[in-house]
């Protein structure tokens, strides 16, 4: 049985999804401009972490529909 999420918690989750999406996009953009290989890898790793966080939150929300 899935419990419905309260509206104030939905707002927090929506804000966090937006944050994770934005950070994923920013780190992807940073990586395209990096000339240093280590920094480029670091940006790509950070981008992946934020993408994974986004997908985890999205899956959580989807499980409560």
N, C-alpha and C. Protein backbone atom coordinates (compact mmCIF):
# COMPACT_ATOMS: atom_id res chain seq x y z
N UNK A 1 0.84 -1.18 0.00
CA UNK A 1 0.00 0.00 0.00
C UNK A 1 0.89 1.25 0.00
N UNK A 2 0.65 2.13 -0.93
CA UNK A 2 1.43 3.36 -1.02
C UNK A 2 0.68 4.50 -0.36
N UNK A 3 1.34 5.12 0.59
CA UNK A 3 0.77 6.27 1.28
C UNK A 3 0.94 7.51 0.41
N UNK A 4 -0.09 8.33 0.34
CA UNK A 4 0.00 9.55 -0.45
C UNK A 4 0.94 10.56 0.22
N UNK A 5 1.65 11.29 -0.60
CA UNK A 5 2.61 12.28 -0.09
C UNK A 5 1.87 13.60 0.13
N UNK A 6 2.11 14.21 1.28
CA UNK A 6 1.47 15.49 1.61
C UNK A 6 1.99 16.59 0.69
N UNK A 7 1.16 17.60 0.47
CA UNK A 7 1.50 18.66 -0.50
C UNK A 7 2.76 19.42 -0.13
N UNK A 8 3.00 19.67 1.16
CA UNK A 8 4.23 20.38 1.53
C UNK A 8 5.47 19.52 1.25
N UNK A 9 5.35 18.21 1.41
CA UNK A 9 6.46 17.32 1.08
C UNK A 9 6.66 17.21 -0.43
N UNK A 10 5.56 17.27 -1.18
CA UNK A 10 5.66 17.26 -2.63
C UNK A 10 6.43 18.48 -3.13
N UNK A 11 6.19 19.62 -2.50
CA UNK A 11 6.89 20.85 -2.87
C UNK A 11 8.39 20.70 -2.63
N UNK A 12 8.75 20.14 -1.51
CA UNK A 12 10.16 19.91 -1.19
C UNK A 12 10.79 18.97 -2.21
N UNK A 13 10.09 17.90 -2.55
CA UNK A 13 10.60 16.95 -3.54
C UNK A 13 10.72 17.59 -4.92
N UNK A 14 9.75 18.42 -5.27
CA UNK A 14 9.81 19.12 -6.55
C UNK A 14 11.02 20.05 -6.60
N UNK A 15 11.23 20.79 -5.52
CA UNK A 15 12.39 21.68 -5.45
C UNK A 15 13.69 20.88 -5.58
N UNK A 16 13.76 19.74 -4.91
CA UNK A 16 14.97 18.92 -4.96
C UNK A 16 15.17 18.34 -6.35
N UNK A 17 14.10 17.90 -7.01
CA UNK A 17 14.21 17.41 -8.38
C UNK A 17 14.74 18.50 -9.30
N UNK A 18 14.23 19.72 -9.15
CA UNK A 18 14.70 20.84 -9.96
C UNK A 18 16.18 21.13 -9.70
N UNK A 19 16.57 21.07 -8.44
CA UNK A 19 17.97 21.30 -8.07
C UNK A 19 18.88 20.24 -8.70
N UNK A 20 18.49 18.98 -8.57
CA UNK A 20 19.32 17.89 -9.11
C UNK A 20 19.43 17.99 -10.63
N UNK A 21 18.33 18.33 -11.28
CA UNK A 21 18.35 18.50 -12.73
C UNK A 21 19.27 19.64 -13.15
N UNK A 22 19.16 20.76 -12.46
CA UNK A 22 19.99 21.92 -12.76
C UNK A 22 21.47 21.61 -12.56
N UNK A 23 21.80 20.96 -11.46
CA UNK A 23 23.20 20.64 -11.18
C UNK A 23 23.75 19.65 -12.21
N UNK A 24 22.94 18.70 -12.62
CA UNK A 24 23.36 17.76 -13.66
C UNK A 24 23.70 18.52 -14.95
N UNK A 25 22.84 19.44 -15.33
CA UNK A 25 23.07 20.22 -16.55
C UNK A 25 24.30 21.12 -16.42
N UNK A 26 24.47 21.75 -15.27
CA UNK A 26 25.61 22.64 -15.07
C UNK A 26 26.93 21.88 -15.13
N UNK A 27 27.00 20.74 -14.43
CA UNK A 27 28.25 19.97 -14.45
C UNK A 27 28.54 19.41 -15.84
N UNK A 28 27.49 19.03 -16.59
CA UNK A 28 27.69 18.60 -17.97
C UNK A 28 28.28 19.74 -18.79
N UNK A 29 27.74 20.93 -18.61
CA UNK A 29 28.23 22.11 -19.34
C UNK A 29 29.67 22.43 -18.93
N UNK A 30 29.95 22.39 -17.63
CA UNK A 30 31.31 22.65 -17.16
C UNK A 30 32.29 21.66 -17.79
N UNK A 31 31.91 20.40 -17.87
CA UNK A 31 32.79 19.36 -18.41
C UNK A 31 33.13 19.65 -19.87
N UNK A 32 32.19 20.22 -20.62
CA UNK A 32 32.46 20.50 -22.03
C UNK A 32 33.48 21.62 -22.19
N UNK A 33 33.64 22.46 -21.18
CA UNK A 33 34.56 23.58 -21.26
C UNK A 33 35.90 23.32 -20.59
N UNK A 34 36.02 22.19 -19.90
CA UNK A 34 37.26 21.87 -19.20
C UNK A 34 38.34 21.40 -20.17
N UNK A 35 39.53 21.93 -19.99
CA UNK A 35 40.67 21.46 -20.78
C UNK A 35 41.53 20.51 -19.95
N UNK A 36 41.44 20.60 -18.64
CA UNK A 36 42.17 19.72 -17.74
C UNK A 36 41.40 18.39 -17.62
N UNK A 37 42.06 17.30 -17.90
CA UNK A 37 41.41 15.99 -17.88
C UNK A 37 40.84 15.59 -16.54
N UNK A 38 41.58 15.87 -15.48
CA UNK A 38 41.11 15.51 -14.14
C UNK A 38 39.88 16.32 -13.76
N UNK A 39 39.90 17.59 -14.07
CA UNK A 39 38.75 18.44 -13.77
C UNK A 39 37.54 18.03 -14.59
N UNK A 40 37.77 17.68 -15.85
CA UNK A 40 36.70 17.21 -16.72
C UNK A 40 36.06 15.94 -16.14
N UNK A 41 36.91 15.00 -15.69
CA UNK A 41 36.40 13.77 -15.07
C UNK A 41 35.61 14.06 -13.81
N UNK A 42 36.10 14.99 -13.00
CA UNK A 42 35.40 15.36 -11.78
C UNK A 42 34.02 15.94 -12.09
N UNK A 43 33.95 16.80 -13.10
CA UNK A 43 32.66 17.37 -13.50
C UNK A 43 31.72 16.30 -14.02
N UNK A 44 32.24 15.36 -14.80
CA UNK A 44 31.41 14.26 -15.31
C UNK A 44 30.90 13.37 -14.19
N UNK A 45 31.75 13.11 -13.20
CA UNK A 45 31.34 12.31 -12.04
C UNK A 45 30.25 13.04 -11.25
N UNK A 46 30.41 14.33 -11.04
CA UNK A 46 29.41 15.12 -10.31
C UNK A 46 28.10 15.13 -11.08
N UNK A 47 28.17 15.27 -12.39
CA UNK A 47 26.97 15.25 -13.22
C UNK A 47 26.23 13.93 -13.06
N UNK A 48 26.97 12.83 -13.08
CA UNK A 48 26.35 11.51 -12.93
C UNK A 48 25.70 11.34 -11.56
N UNK A 49 26.35 11.83 -10.53
CA UNK A 49 25.79 11.74 -9.18
C UNK A 49 24.45 12.48 -9.12
N UNK A 50 24.40 13.68 -9.68
CA UNK A 50 23.15 14.45 -9.65
C UNK A 50 22.08 13.79 -10.52
N UNK A 51 22.48 13.18 -11.63
CA UNK A 51 21.52 12.45 -12.46
C UNK A 51 20.96 11.26 -11.70
N UNK A 52 21.83 10.53 -11.00
CA UNK A 52 21.40 9.39 -10.20
C UNK A 52 20.46 9.84 -9.07
N UNK A 53 20.79 10.95 -8.42
CA UNK A 53 19.92 11.49 -7.37
C UNK A 53 18.55 11.83 -7.93
N UNK A 54 18.54 12.48 -9.10
CA UNK A 54 17.28 12.83 -9.76
C UNK A 54 16.45 11.56 -10.02
N UNK A 55 17.10 10.55 -10.60
CA UNK A 55 16.39 9.32 -10.93
C UNK A 55 15.87 8.60 -9.69
N UNK A 56 16.61 8.64 -8.60
CA UNK A 56 16.17 8.04 -7.35
C UNK A 56 14.93 8.76 -6.82
N UNK A 57 14.97 10.09 -6.80
CA UNK A 57 13.81 10.86 -6.34
C UNK A 57 12.60 10.62 -7.24
N UNK A 58 12.83 10.57 -8.54
CA UNK A 58 11.74 10.35 -9.50
C UNK A 58 11.12 8.98 -9.28
N UNK A 59 11.94 7.98 -9.06
CA UNK A 59 11.42 6.63 -8.79
C UNK A 59 10.60 6.60 -7.50
N UNK A 60 11.08 7.32 -6.50
CA UNK A 60 10.33 7.41 -5.24
C UNK A 60 8.96 8.03 -5.47
N UNK A 61 8.93 9.13 -6.22
CA UNK A 61 7.66 9.78 -6.50
C UNK A 61 6.74 8.87 -7.32
N UNK A 62 7.30 8.22 -8.31
CA UNK A 62 6.50 7.31 -9.16
C UNK A 62 5.91 6.16 -8.35
N UNK A 63 6.61 5.73 -7.33
CA UNK A 63 6.12 4.61 -6.50
C UNK A 63 4.94 5.03 -5.63
N UNK A 64 4.69 6.32 -5.51
CA UNK A 64 3.59 6.83 -4.68
C UNK A 64 2.39 7.31 -5.50
N UNK A 65 2.36 6.95 -6.76
CA UNK A 65 1.22 7.36 -7.58
C UNK A 65 0.14 6.33 -7.54
